[in-house]
Every structure is written in C-alpha cells, then in structure tokens.
Amino acid sequence: MALPNLRRIFSSSRTDDQERAVSRQAFFRCLSFIASCAVIALLSSPKRRGAIGL
C-alpha cells in the first residue's frame, strides 16, 4: 500500500506564487538554522574560547 505524497497534496491547494513563497521560506529557515549551528559550534570550541577571552 503506497502512501500519498503529502507535498503534492498540499501544493495542489496552493497557487504557484504561494508554493514559491513557502519553498523560499523553508530554504531560508534551513539556512539560518545551519548558520546558527555553525556559530554556536565556533563559539563553543576551546580554541576560540581562549581567543575571545571567555
């Protein structure tokens, strides 16, 4: 039994412009999450902590 493709179901209820807006929003949220993870990792590294005086 194949499950329905949820992305196709939800995208069929939106216009093309709305779908692009949702896709861009998801992309930038993912990008900001990855960037914040990188910043936290840099700030928490022992070498970096000594350089900034924490």
N, C-alpha and C. Protein backbone atom coordinates (compact mmCIF):
# COMPACT_ATOMS: atom_id res chain seq x y z
N MET A 1 0.84 -1.18 0.00
CA MET A 1 0.00 0.00 0.00
C MET A 1 0.89 1.24 0.00
N ALA A 2 0.81 2.01 -1.06
CA ALA A 2 1.61 3.22 -1.18
C ALA A 2 0.93 4.38 -0.46
N LEU A 3 1.72 5.13 0.27
CA LEU A 3 1.19 6.30 0.96
C LEU A 3 1.11 7.47 0.00
N PRO A 4 0.15 8.37 0.19
CA PRO A 4 0.05 9.53 -0.71
C PRO A 4 1.21 10.50 -0.47
N ASN A 5 1.61 11.18 -1.51
CA ASN A 5 2.67 12.17 -1.42
C ASN A 5 2.08 13.45 -0.81
N LEU A 6 2.42 13.71 0.45
CA LEU A 6 1.83 14.85 1.16
C LEU A 6 2.22 16.18 0.53
N ARG A 7 3.43 16.28 0.03
CA ARG A 7 3.85 17.53 -0.60
C ARG A 7 2.98 17.84 -1.82
N ARG A 8 2.67 16.83 -2.60
CA ARG A 8 1.83 17.03 -3.79
C ARG A 8 0.41 17.40 -3.38
N ILE A 9 -0.10 16.80 -2.33
CA ILE A 9 -1.45 17.11 -1.87
C ILE A 9 -1.54 18.57 -1.42
N PHE A 10 -0.56 19.02 -0.62
CA PHE A 10 -0.61 20.39 -0.12
C PHE A 10 -0.26 21.40 -1.20
N SER A 11 0.64 21.05 -2.12
CA SER A 11 0.99 22.00 -3.17
C SER A 11 -0.15 22.18 -4.17
N SER A 12 -0.99 21.17 -4.33
CA SER A 12 -2.11 21.32 -5.27
C SER A 12 -3.16 22.28 -4.72
N SER A 13 -3.14 22.56 -3.43
CA SER A 13 -4.10 23.50 -2.86
C SER A 13 -3.57 24.93 -2.85
N ARG A 14 -2.33 25.14 -3.31
CA ARG A 14 -1.74 26.47 -3.34
C ARG A 14 -1.50 26.92 -4.78
N THR A 15 -1.41 28.23 -4.96
CA THR A 15 -1.03 28.76 -6.27
C THR A 15 0.48 28.63 -6.43
N ASP A 16 0.98 28.85 -7.63
CA ASP A 16 2.42 28.75 -7.88
C ASP A 16 3.19 29.78 -7.06
N ASP A 17 2.64 30.98 -6.94
CA ASP A 17 3.32 32.02 -6.15
C ASP A 17 3.38 31.65 -4.68
N GLN A 18 2.31 31.09 -4.16
CA GLN A 18 2.30 30.67 -2.76
C GLN A 18 3.29 29.52 -2.54
N GLU A 19 3.37 28.61 -3.49
CA GLU A 19 4.30 27.49 -3.37
C GLU A 19 5.75 27.97 -3.37
N ARG A 20 6.06 28.95 -4.23
CA ARG A 20 7.40 29.54 -4.25
C ARG A 20 7.72 30.23 -2.94
N ALA A 21 6.76 30.96 -2.39
CA ALA A 21 6.97 31.66 -1.12
C ALA A 21 7.23 30.67 0.01
N VAL A 22 6.47 29.59 0.05
CA VAL A 22 6.67 28.57 1.08
C VAL A 22 8.03 27.91 0.92
N SER A 23 8.41 27.63 -0.31
CA SER A 23 9.70 26.99 -0.57
C SER A 23 10.86 27.91 -0.17
N ARG A 24 10.76 29.19 -0.50
CA ARG A 24 11.81 30.15 -0.11
C ARG A 24 11.90 30.29 1.39
N GLN A 25 10.75 30.34 2.04
CA GLN A 25 10.74 30.47 3.50
C GLN A 25 11.40 29.26 4.15
N ALA A 26 11.09 28.08 3.65
CA ALA A 26 11.70 26.86 4.20
C ALA A 26 13.21 26.85 3.95
N PHE A 27 13.64 27.30 2.77
CA PHE A 27 15.06 27.35 2.45
C PHE A 27 15.80 28.29 3.39
N PHE A 28 15.27 29.50 3.59
CA PHE A 28 15.95 30.45 4.45
C PHE A 28 15.91 30.06 5.93
N ARG A 29 14.86 29.39 6.35
CA ARG A 29 14.84 28.87 7.72
C ARG A 29 15.90 27.79 7.90
N CYS A 30 16.04 26.93 6.93
CA CYS A 30 17.07 25.88 6.99
C CYS A 30 18.46 26.51 6.99
N LEU A 31 18.67 27.50 6.13
CA LEU A 31 19.95 28.18 6.05
C LEU A 31 20.28 28.89 7.36
N SER A 32 19.32 29.53 7.97
CA SER A 32 19.59 30.22 9.25
C SER A 32 19.85 29.22 10.37
N PHE A 33 19.19 28.07 10.33
CA PHE A 33 19.45 27.03 11.33
C PHE A 33 20.87 26.51 11.21
N ILE A 34 21.32 26.25 9.99
CA ILE A 34 22.68 25.75 9.77
C ILE A 34 23.70 26.81 10.19
N ALA A 35 23.42 28.08 9.87
CA ALA A 35 24.34 29.15 10.25
C ALA A 35 24.41 29.31 11.77
N SER A 36 23.27 29.21 12.44
CA SER A 36 23.30 29.33 13.90
C SER A 36 24.04 28.15 14.54
N CYS A 37 23.90 26.96 13.96
CA CYS A 37 24.65 25.81 14.47
C CYS A 37 26.15 26.03 14.31
N ALA A 38 26.55 26.59 13.18
CA ALA A 38 27.96 26.86 12.94
C ALA A 38 28.50 27.90 13.92
N VAL A 39 27.73 28.94 14.18
CA VAL A 39 28.15 29.98 15.12
C VAL A 39 28.28 29.41 16.53
N ILE A 40 27.31 28.63 16.93
CA ILE A 40 27.37 28.02 18.27
C ILE A 40 28.56 27.08 18.37
N ALA A 41 28.83 26.31 17.33
CA ALA A 41 29.97 25.40 17.35
C ALA A 41 31.28 26.17 17.42
N LEU A 42 31.39 27.27 16.70
CA LEU A 42 32.60 28.08 16.75
C LEU A 42 32.80 28.72 18.12
N LEU A 43 31.71 29.21 18.69
CA LEU A 43 31.81 29.85 19.99
C LEU A 43 32.11 28.86 21.11
N SER A 44 31.71 27.63 20.93
CA SER A 44 31.91 26.65 21.99
C SER A 44 33.23 25.89 21.88
N SER A 45 33.96 26.10 20.81
CA SER A 45 35.23 25.39 20.67
C SER A 45 36.27 25.97 21.64
N PRO A 46 37.09 25.12 22.25
CA PRO A 46 38.06 25.58 23.25
C PRO A 46 39.08 26.58 22.69
N LYS A 47 39.51 26.38 21.45
CA LYS A 47 40.50 27.30 20.86
C LYS A 47 39.90 28.68 20.69
N ARG A 48 38.67 28.73 20.23
CA ARG A 48 38.00 30.01 20.01
C ARG A 48 37.71 30.70 21.34
N ARG A 49 37.37 29.94 22.36
CA ARG A 49 37.05 30.50 23.67
C ARG A 49 38.27 31.23 24.24
N GLY A 50 39.45 30.68 24.05
CA GLY A 50 40.66 31.34 24.53
C GLY A 50 40.98 32.60 23.76
N ALA A 51 40.65 32.62 22.48
CA ALA A 51 40.96 33.78 21.64
C ALA A 51 40.06 34.98 21.96
N ILE A 52 38.82 34.71 22.37
CA ILE A 52 37.92 35.83 22.64
C ILE A 52 37.82 36.15 24.13
N GLY A 53 38.52 35.39 24.95
CA GLY A 53 38.60 35.71 26.37
C GLY A 53 37.44 35.22 27.21
N LEU A 54 36.79 34.15 26.81
CA LEU A 54 35.68 33.62 27.63
C LEU A 54 36.15 32.59 28.61
